[in-house]
């Protein structure tokens, strides 16, 4: 009864905190605009977007049918999966770890600043984090119970993860390695289960793969890889001649530079782990590793996923956001750190948990994307005063979203109605006050 009450309270708290967080998001994320555009295309029957995987936009498109604000539709989807993550985490962790560890893991997930943040944003990270957690834990249960059905479920969930983010397809690769070398089943059963899992995965992802083939003329897991890799090169200050190129082609043409770029990105990635975990949780994580984790095989299993994906993220883009999805599967380590510091004294452990949560909560309730609010204010100002479908020359695509306008990429006085810029305007045109740091001026 106590366990049921605990998880019920955690689910309610997670939902309330994430819904409240929506009000602290001051502007949609740049990628969020693209996800909503993909969702509207799906809702209108235009098919898949080859750059933005379809699962998250498809969920958004369901809510769009109820005439709900499109930004709120994306946020609702994120809240649902972010809340569901807390439930799944407790159910899975309680079957692997002793009671204090599973309770701490769940409590931390409820208030974790970045899990909360991405559960309130129009981004696919909340869905992807949920699926990562499900695949990793169900894969573990498949190995420990030697269950072919659970392993096949990994194939299903990996397919859904791929349809959320391209890198999701590699989850089944790591799970398969452990399936083959971590169980004592006969090779016939192992191979049979793998074949069925791959058939299930293929049946789910083939329509999307085919749509990419039709668009690009090539069989590839995503058209996004060139975009993300090129963005990473641009962020690192590499020459324009290397932009719009795949990582494989870049590595072939510039092997030394590729290695230097990857090594540099890996260092950046590692430096962002404390922030992605939250500095206090990271301290407990270090203590947990040093004090000893009982479930060492599970620790090795979880770390194998991290090592594989960290290598991939180093090749592409070493952003903190990419690390957050892996926080739930290593949350048991800082939990062990807390237990170690308490010396297994219940009252001391409770004090450590409560004090830690009080320290973490201010970060959880931080206001997000204040720097982008000006674009929102400017876009809404144009829409409210001059209506939709205005031709707008812009610096940030979010202003087009909030203005419900048409983006113009070149300055053409015969076409542009408004220019929205964060820098000093050129001569001519009429300036309008938007009560933000962004200047709006008319071209007509």
Protein backbone atom coordinates (compact mmCIF):
# COMPACT_ATOMS: atom_id res chain seq x y z
CA UNK A 1 0.00 0.00 0.00
CA UNK A 2 2.83 2.41 0.92
CA UNK A 3 4.55 1.75 -2.42
CA UNK A 4 1.35 2.47 -4.35
CA UNK A 5 0.80 5.70 -2.42
CA UNK A 6 4.42 6.76 -3.00
CA UNK A 7 4.37 6.24 -6.75
CA UNK A 8 0.94 7.89 -7.02
CA UNK A 9 2.24 10.97 -5.18
CA UNK A 10 5.37 11.04 -7.36
CA UNK A 11 3.33 10.86 -10.57
CA UNK A 12 1.01 13.65 -9.41
CA UNK A 13 3.96 15.79 -8.29
CA UNK A 14 5.79 15.17 -11.58
CA UNK A 15 2.74 16.18 -13.61
CA UNK A 16 2.08 19.32 -11.54
CA UNK A 17 5.72 20.47 -11.66
CA UNK A 18 5.95 19.91 -15.42
CA UNK A 19 2.66 21.69 -16.11
CA UNK A 20 3.80 24.60 -13.97
CA UNK A 21 7.11 24.64 -15.85
CA UNK A 22 5.23 25.34 -19.08
CA UNK A 23 4.50 28.81 -17.73
CA UNK A 24 8.22 29.38 -17.17
CA UNK A 25 9.13 28.67 -20.81
CA UNK A 26 9.14 32.15 -22.32
CA UNK A 27 9.64 31.20 -25.95
CA UNK A 28 9.52 28.09 -28.12
CA UNK A 29 12.83 26.39 -28.95
CA UNK A 30 14.10 26.91 -32.53
CA UNK A 31 13.77 23.16 -33.19
CA UNK A 32 10.26 23.31 -31.78
CA UNK A 33 9.14 25.41 -34.73
CA UNK A 34 10.35 22.68 -37.09
CA UNK A 35 8.60 19.94 -35.10
CA UNK A 36 5.32 21.83 -35.23
CA UNK A 37 5.69 22.40 -38.98
CA UNK A 38 6.27 18.64 -39.40
CA UNK A 39 3.21 17.94 -37.23
CA UNK A 40 1.03 20.23 -39.33
CA UNK A 41 2.25 18.50 -42.50
CA UNK A 42 1.31 15.11 -41.01
CA UNK A 43 -2.08 16.40 -39.92
CA UNK A 44 -2.68 17.76 -43.44
CA UNK A 45 -1.68 14.45 -45.03
CA UNK A 46 1.56 15.68 -46.63
CA UNK A 47 3.60 12.79 -45.28
CA UNK A 48 6.91 12.51 -43.43
CA UNK A 49 9.61 15.12 -43.07
CA UNK A 50 12.97 13.48 -43.96
CA UNK A 51 14.91 15.68 -41.50
CA UNK A 52 12.62 15.55 -38.46
CA UNK A 53 11.62 12.00 -37.40
CA UNK A 54 7.85 11.52 -37.30
CA UNK A 55 6.86 10.06 -33.90
CA UNK A 56 6.92 13.27 -31.85
CA UNK A 57 5.25 15.34 -34.62
CA UNK A 58 2.66 12.58 -34.99
CA UNK A 59 1.73 12.85 -31.29
CA UNK A 60 1.47 16.64 -31.70
CA UNK A 61 -0.76 16.20 -34.75
CA UNK A 62 -3.25 14.23 -32.64
CA UNK A 63 -3.76 17.19 -30.30
CA UNK A 64 -3.87 19.64 -33.21
CA UNK A 65 -7.16 18.04 -34.25
CA UNK A 66 -8.73 19.49 -31.09
CA UNK A 67 -7.86 23.06 -32.19
CA UNK A 68 -5.41 23.50 -29.33
CA UNK A 69 -2.60 26.04 -29.69
CA UNK A 70 0.19 24.22 -31.54
CA UNK A 71 2.90 25.14 -29.03
CA UNK A 72 0.75 23.87 -26.18
CA UNK A 73 0.12 20.64 -28.14
CA UNK A 74 3.86 19.95 -28.23
CA UNK A 75 4.21 20.77 -24.56
CA UNK A 76 1.34 18.46 -23.58
CA UNK A 77 3.04 15.55 -25.37
CA UNK A 78 6.30 16.30 -23.56
CA UNK A 79 4.54 16.52 -20.17
CA UNK A 80 2.78 13.18 -20.71
CA UNK A 81 6.02 11.34 -21.51
CA UNK A 82 8.00 13.19 -18.85
CA UNK A 83 5.46 12.14 -16.23
CA UNK A 84 5.28 8.58 -17.55
CA UNK A 85 9.07 8.38 -17.24
CA UNK A 86 8.79 8.76 -13.47
CA UNK A 87 6.38 5.82 -13.25
CA UNK A 88 8.46 3.58 -15.52
CA UNK A 89 11.63 4.47 -13.67
CA UNK A 90 10.17 3.45 -10.32
CA UNK A 91 8.65 0.22 -11.65
CA UNK A 92 11.94 -0.82 -13.26
CA UNK A 93 14.32 0.41 -10.55
CA UNK A 94 12.31 -1.28 -7.78
CA UNK A 95 12.90 -4.64 -9.52
CA UNK A 96 16.68 -4.19 -9.61
CA UNK A 97 17.68 -2.11 -6.61
CA UNK A 98 16.79 -2.19 -2.90
CA UNK A 99 13.98 0.07 -1.64
CA UNK A 100 16.04 3.12 -0.61
CA UNK A 101 17.72 3.30 -4.04
CA UNK A 102 14.53 3.00 -6.13
CA UNK A 103 12.80 5.60 -3.93
CA UNK A 104 15.67 8.09 -4.29
CA UNK A 105 15.90 7.51 -8.05
CA UNK A 106 12.19 8.26 -8.45
CA UNK A 107 12.24 11.31 -6.19
CA UNK A 108 15.19 12.80 -8.08
CA UNK A 109 13.47 12.17 -11.42
CA UNK A 110 10.40 14.10 -10.22
CA UNK A 111 12.39 17.32 -9.69
CA UNK A 112 15.46 16.90 -11.90
CA UNK A 113 15.90 20.36 -13.51
CA UNK A 114 16.56 19.19 -17.06
CA UNK A 115 14.14 16.27 -17.05
CA UNK A 116 11.50 18.80 -15.95
CA UNK A 117 12.62 21.37 -18.50
CA UNK A 118 12.52 19.08 -21.51
CA UNK A 119 9.19 17.71 -20.28
CA UNK A 120 7.74 21.20 -20.79
CA UNK A 121 9.37 22.17 -24.10
CA UNK A 122 8.34 21.57 -27.69
CA UNK A 123 11.20 19.14 -28.24
CA UNK A 124 11.36 15.38 -28.77
CA UNK A 125 13.76 14.88 -25.84
CA UNK A 126 11.06 13.91 -23.33
CA UNK A 127 9.73 11.16 -25.62
CA UNK A 128 13.24 9.97 -26.45
CA UNK A 129 14.32 9.89 -22.79
CA UNK A 130 11.26 7.79 -21.96
CA UNK A 131 12.09 5.33 -24.75
CA UNK A 132 15.82 5.18 -23.85
CA UNK A 133 14.90 4.31 -20.26
CA UNK A 134 12.36 1.69 -21.36
CA UNK A 135 14.75 -0.01 -23.81
CA UNK A 136 17.68 -0.13 -21.39
CA UNK A 137 15.67 -1.54 -18.49
CA UNK A 138 13.58 -3.97 -20.54
CA UNK A 139 16.78 -5.11 -22.26
CA UNK A 140 18.22 -5.84 -18.83
CA UNK A 141 15.16 -7.82 -17.80
CA UNK A 142 15.36 -9.75 -21.08
CA UNK A 143 18.96 -10.73 -20.26
CA UNK A 144 18.42 -11.53 -16.58
CA UNK A 145 15.20 -13.48 -17.19
CA UNK A 146 16.42 -14.89 -20.53
CA UNK A 147 13.11 -13.83 -22.04
CA UNK A 148 12.88 -13.75 -25.83
CA UNK A 149 9.59 -11.84 -25.61
CA UNK A 150 11.20 -9.04 -23.63
CA UNK A 151 14.08 -8.88 -26.08
CA UNK A 152 11.63 -8.62 -28.98
CA UNK A 153 10.01 -5.76 -27.05
CA UNK A 154 13.42 -4.06 -27.22
CA UNK A 155 13.18 -4.23 -30.99
CA UNK A 156 9.75 -2.58 -30.89
CA UNK A 157 10.86 0.17 -28.51
CA UNK A 158 14.10 0.74 -30.44
CA UNK A 159 12.03 1.29 -33.57
CA UNK A 160 9.95 3.91 -31.76
CA UNK A 161 13.13 5.51 -30.43
CA UNK A 162 14.51 5.71 -33.98
CA UNK A 163 11.27 7.34 -35.13
CA UNK A 164 11.87 9.93 -32.40
CA UNK A 165 15.58 10.53 -33.00
CA UNK A 166 17.78 8.80 -35.62
CA UNK A 167 20.31 7.59 -33.04
CA UNK A 168 17.59 5.52 -31.39
CA UNK A 169 18.17 2.75 -33.92
CA UNK A 170 21.48 1.87 -32.24
CA UNK A 171 19.81 0.91 -28.97
CA UNK A 172 19.03 -2.53 -30.35
CA UNK A 173 22.68 -2.94 -31.39
CA UNK A 174 23.94 -2.65 -27.80
CA UNK A 175 21.03 -4.67 -26.41
CA UNK A 176 21.81 -7.41 -28.95
CA UNK A 177 25.43 -7.59 -27.82
CA UNK A 178 24.31 -8.24 -24.26
CA UNK A 179 21.60 -10.63 -25.44
CA UNK A 180 24.23 -12.78 -27.17
CA UNK A 181 26.99 -12.62 -24.58
CA UNK A 182 25.05 -12.02 -21.36
CA UNK A 183 22.68 -14.99 -21.44
CA UNK A 184 23.16 -18.74 -21.33
CA UNK A 185 20.38 -19.59 -23.76
CA UNK A 186 21.12 -21.73 -26.79
CA UNK A 187 22.42 -19.89 -29.84
CA UNK A 188 19.39 -21.06 -31.78
CA UNK A 189 17.05 -19.27 -29.39
CA UNK A 190 19.26 -16.18 -29.30
CA UNK A 191 19.40 -15.90 -33.09
CA UNK A 192 15.68 -16.61 -33.46
CA UNK A 193 14.78 -13.87 -30.97
CA UNK A 194 17.14 -11.42 -32.67
CA UNK A 195 15.64 -12.15 -36.09
CA UNK A 196 12.11 -11.60 -34.81
CA UNK A 197 13.18 -8.38 -33.06
CA UNK A 198 14.77 -7.11 -36.27
CA UNK A 199 11.69 -8.05 -38.30
CA UNK A 200 9.49 -6.10 -35.87
CA UNK A 201 11.88 -3.16 -35.98
CA UNK A 202 12.08 -3.24 -39.78
CA UNK A 203 8.32 -3.44 -40.25
CA UNK A 204 7.87 -0.30 -38.14
CA UNK A 205 10.63 1.86 -39.55
CA UNK A 206 10.55 0.81 -43.22
CA UNK A 207 7.88 3.35 -44.32
CA UNK A 208 9.96 6.19 -42.91
CA UNK A 209 13.19 4.82 -44.41
CA UNK A 210 11.46 4.58 -47.77
CA UNK A 211 10.26 8.19 -47.51
CA UNK A 212 13.88 9.29 -46.91
CA UNK A 213 14.95 7.23 -49.92
CA UNK A 214 12.33 8.97 -52.10
CA UNK A 215 13.47 12.39 -50.92
CA UNK A 216 17.25 11.92 -50.97
CA UNK A 217 17.65 9.16 -53.54
CA UNK A 218 19.68 7.14 -51.00
CA UNK A 219 18.99 4.57 -48.34
CA UNK A 220 20.05 6.27 -45.10
CA UNK A 221 18.74 6.37 -41.54
CA UNK A 222 18.24 10.13 -41.61
CA UNK A 223 18.68 13.25 -43.69
CA UNK A 224 19.35 15.02 -40.41
CA UNK A 225 22.91 13.69 -39.98
CA UNK A 226 24.37 16.16 -42.51
CA UNK A 227 22.46 19.05 -40.93
CA UNK A 228 23.57 18.25 -37.38
CA UNK A 229 27.17 17.51 -38.36
CA UNK A 230 27.41 20.67 -40.45
CA UNK A 231 25.97 22.71 -37.58
CA UNK A 232 28.61 21.22 -35.27
CA UNK A 233 31.37 22.16 -37.74
CA UNK A 234 30.00 25.68 -37.98
CA UNK A 235 29.91 25.98 -34.17
CA UNK A 236 33.54 24.86 -34.04
CA UNK A 237 34.51 27.54 -36.56
CA UNK A 238 35.49 25.28 -39.47
CA UNK A 239 35.59 26.58 -43.02
CA UNK A 240 32.41 26.83 -45.07
CA UNK A 241 33.76 24.40 -47.66
CA UNK A 242 33.18 21.60 -45.15
CA UNK A 243 29.55 22.46 -44.49
CA UNK A 244 26.63 20.34 -45.68
CA UNK A 245 28.71 17.16 -45.58
CA UNK A 246 28.23 13.79 -43.92
CA UNK A 247 30.61 12.79 -41.09
CA UNK A 248 31.82 9.77 -43.09
CA UNK A 249 32.70 11.90 -46.11
CA UNK A 250 34.36 14.50 -43.89
CA UNK A 251 36.41 11.81 -42.08
CA UNK A 252 37.49 10.38 -45.44
CA UNK A 253 38.55 13.76 -46.88
CA UNK A 254 39.99 15.24 -43.67
CA UNK A 255 40.96 12.39 -41.28
CA UNK A 256 43.29 14.44 -39.06
CA UNK A 257 40.88 17.34 -38.73
CA UNK A 258 38.03 14.91 -38.06
CA UNK A 259 39.97 13.30 -35.19
CA UNK A 260 40.88 16.69 -33.73
CA UNK A 261 37.29 17.90 -33.97
CA UNK A 262 35.97 14.68 -32.35
CA UNK A 263 38.53 14.77 -29.52
CA UNK A 264 37.72 18.42 -28.84
CA UNK A 265 34.00 17.68 -28.83
CA UNK A 266 34.48 14.72 -26.49
CA UNK A 267 36.25 16.96 -23.97
CA UNK A 268 33.38 19.44 -24.19
CA UNK A 269 30.89 16.64 -23.75
CA UNK A 270 32.60 15.31 -20.64
CA UNK A 271 32.80 18.80 -19.17
CA UNK A 272 29.02 19.13 -19.51
CA UNK A 273 28.17 15.98 -17.57
CA UNK A 274 28.09 17.74 -14.15
CA UNK A 275 25.66 20.33 -15.47
CA UNK A 276 23.48 17.74 -17.23
CA UNK A 277 23.22 15.74 -14.01
CA UNK A 278 23.06 18.88 -11.81
CA UNK A 279 26.27 19.66 -9.89
CA UNK A 280 24.97 18.31 -6.57
CA UNK A 281 23.71 15.08 -8.11
CA UNK A 282 27.04 14.74 -9.91
CA UNK A 283 28.86 14.97 -6.55
CA UNK A 284 26.67 12.16 -5.22
CA UNK A 285 27.36 10.23 -8.44
CA UNK A 286 31.11 10.38 -7.85
CA UNK A 287 30.63 9.33 -4.22
CA UNK A 288 28.40 6.46 -5.37
CA UNK A 289 31.02 5.20 -7.82
CA UNK A 290 33.80 5.43 -5.24
CA UNK A 291 31.77 3.85 -2.43
CA UNK A 292 30.77 0.89 -4.59
CA UNK A 293 27.59 -0.08 -6.41
CA UNK A 294 26.30 -3.55 -5.58
CA UNK A 295 24.77 -4.23 -8.99
CA UNK A 296 28.08 -4.12 -10.84
CA UNK A 297 26.89 -6.06 -13.86
CA UNK A 298 24.01 -3.63 -14.36
CA UNK A 299 26.48 -0.76 -13.93
CA UNK A 300 28.67 -2.19 -16.69
CA UNK A 301 25.57 -2.78 -18.82
CA UNK A 302 24.34 0.83 -18.41
CA UNK A 303 27.81 2.26 -19.02
CA UNK A 304 28.10 0.35 -22.31
CA UNK A 305 25.18 2.39 -23.66
CA UNK A 306 26.73 5.62 -22.41
CA UNK A 307 30.14 4.93 -23.95
CA UNK A 308 28.64 4.09 -27.33
CA UNK A 309 26.42 7.13 -27.46
CA UNK A 310 28.97 9.54 -26.03
CA UNK A 311 31.31 8.55 -28.86
CA UNK A 312 28.54 9.31 -31.34
CA UNK A 313 27.65 12.64 -29.75
CA UNK A 314 31.33 13.63 -29.83
CA UNK A 315 31.32 13.08 -33.60
CA UNK A 316 28.21 15.18 -34.06
CA UNK A 317 27.32 17.85 -31.49
CA UNK A 318 28.49 17.84 -27.84
CA UNK A 319 25.44 19.60 -26.40
CA UNK A 320 24.20 19.20 -22.83
CA UNK A 321 20.75 18.43 -24.16
CA UNK A 322 21.98 15.14 -25.66
CA UNK A 323 23.31 13.99 -22.30
CA UNK A 324 20.10 14.57 -20.36
CA UNK A 325 18.33 11.59 -21.93
CA UNK A 326 20.80 9.26 -20.26
CA UNK A 327 20.41 10.70 -16.76
CA UNK A 328 17.59 8.33 -15.67
CA UNK A 329 19.57 5.14 -16.30
CA UNK A 330 22.47 6.27 -14.10
CA UNK A 331 20.39 7.91 -11.35
CA UNK A 332 20.94 4.85 -9.17
CA UNK A 333 24.63 5.80 -8.78
CA UNK A 334 24.03 9.12 -6.95
CA UNK A 335 21.34 7.30 -4.95
CA UNK A 336 24.04 4.94 -3.69
CA UNK A 337 26.17 7.98 -2.89
CA UNK A 338 23.42 9.37 -0.67
CA UNK A 339 22.99 6.04 1.11
CA UNK A 340 26.74 5.83 1.68
CA UNK A 341 26.90 9.32 3.23
CA UNK A 342 23.99 8.51 5.53
CA UNK A 343 25.78 5.35 6.69
CA UNK A 344 22.43 3.59 6.10
CA UNK A 345 20.78 5.55 8.94
CA UNK A 346 17.18 6.14 7.89
CA UNK A 347 16.74 9.55 9.52
CA UNK A 348 20.07 10.80 8.20
CA UNK A 349 19.16 9.57 4.70
CA UNK A 350 15.85 11.43 4.86
CA UNK A 351 17.64 14.63 5.84
CA UNK A 352 20.13 14.24 2.97
CA UNK A 353 17.30 13.64 0.47
CA UNK A 354 15.20 16.60 1.68
CA UNK A 355 18.15 19.03 1.84
CA UNK A 356 19.34 17.91 -1.60
CA UNK A 357 15.90 18.44 -3.12
CA UNK A 358 15.67 21.91 -1.57
CA UNK A 359 19.03 22.78 -3.12
CA UNK A 360 17.99 21.42 -6.53
CA UNK A 361 14.49 22.94 -6.71
CA UNK A 362 15.50 26.56 -7.54
CA UNK A 363 17.17 25.25 -10.70
CA UNK A 364 14.04 23.24 -11.48
CA UNK A 365 11.90 26.37 -11.42
CA UNK A 366 14.21 28.61 -13.42
CA UNK A 367 12.68 30.73 -16.17
CA UNK A 368 13.74 29.37 -19.57
CA UNK A 369 14.47 31.09 -22.91
CA UNK A 370 14.11 34.67 -21.71
CA UNK A 371 16.66 35.58 -24.36
CA UNK A 372 14.23 34.47 -27.07
CA UNK A 373 11.15 36.19 -25.65
CA UNK A 374 11.79 39.27 -27.76
CA UNK A 375 11.19 37.28 -30.94
CA UNK A 376 7.89 36.05 -29.50
CA UNK A 377 6.80 39.56 -28.52
CA UNK A 378 7.72 40.93 -31.94
CA UNK A 379 5.92 38.15 -33.81
CA UNK A 380 2.78 38.40 -31.71
CA UNK A 381 2.83 42.19 -32.06
CA UNK A 382 2.83 41.96 -35.86
CA UNK A 383 0.04 39.36 -35.84
CA UNK A 384 -2.13 41.26 -33.35
CA UNK A 385 -1.75 44.61 -35.11
CA UNK A 386 -1.49 43.66 -38.77
CA UNK A 387 -2.84 40.11 -39.07
CA UNK A 388 -1.35 36.86 -40.31
CA UNK A 389 0.44 35.92 -43.54
CA UNK A 390 2.72 38.97 -43.59
CA UNK A 391 6.01 38.63 -45.45
CA UNK A 392 8.74 39.00 -42.86
CA UNK A 393 12.50 39.30 -43.26
CA UNK A 394 13.87 37.76 -40.07
CA UNK A 395 16.96 36.82 -38.10
CA UNK A 396 15.25 34.14 -36.00
CA UNK A 397 12.59 31.78 -37.38
CA UNK A 398 10.60 31.91 -34.16
CA UNK A 399 9.29 35.35 -35.04
CA UNK A 400 7.65 33.81 -38.13
CA UNK A 401 5.98 31.18 -35.97
CA UNK A 402 4.49 33.68 -33.53
CA UNK A 403 3.53 36.12 -36.30
CA UNK A 404 1.92 33.30 -38.28
CA UNK A 405 3.72 34.87 -41.19
CA UNK A 406 5.78 33.95 -44.23
CA UNK A 407 9.56 33.96 -43.94
CA UNK A 408 11.53 35.91 -46.54
CA UNK A 409 15.25 35.15 -46.79
CA UNK A 410 16.35 38.08 -48.97
CA UNK A 411 15.72 41.80 -48.64
CA UNK A 412 13.31 42.58 -51.47
CA UNK A 413 11.33 45.78 -50.92
CA UNK A 414 8.61 44.62 -53.31
CA UNK A 415 7.91 41.54 -51.19
CA UNK A 416 8.86 42.24 -47.56
CA UNK A 417 6.19 43.72 -45.29
CA UNK A 418 8.19 43.75 -42.07
CA UNK A 419 11.79 43.25 -41.02
CA UNK A 420 12.45 41.94 -37.52
CA UNK A 421 16.00 42.35 -36.29
CA UNK A 422 17.91 42.48 -33.03
CA UNK A 423 20.46 44.92 -34.44
CA UNK A 424 20.27 48.57 -35.45
CA UNK A 425 17.90 49.02 -38.35
CA UNK A 426 19.05 50.36 -41.73
CA UNK A 427 17.97 53.78 -42.95
CA UNK A 428 14.37 54.10 -44.07
CA UNK A 429 11.23 52.36 -42.99
CA UNK A 430 8.92 53.04 -40.07
CA UNK A 431 9.93 51.73 -36.65
CA UNK A 432 7.33 50.09 -34.42
CA UNK A 433 7.54 49.70 -30.64
CA UNK A 434 7.22 46.10 -29.41
CA UNK A 435 8.28 46.61 -25.78
CA UNK A 436 11.11 44.17 -26.29
CA UNK A 437 14.76 44.29 -27.21
CA UNK A 438 13.89 43.44 -30.81
CA UNK A 439 13.33 46.13 -33.46
CA UNK A 440 10.47 45.78 -35.93
CA UNK A 441 10.22 48.09 -38.91
CA UNK A 442 8.00 48.27 -41.95
CA UNK A 443 9.30 48.14 -45.49
CA UNK A 444 6.14 49.75 -46.88
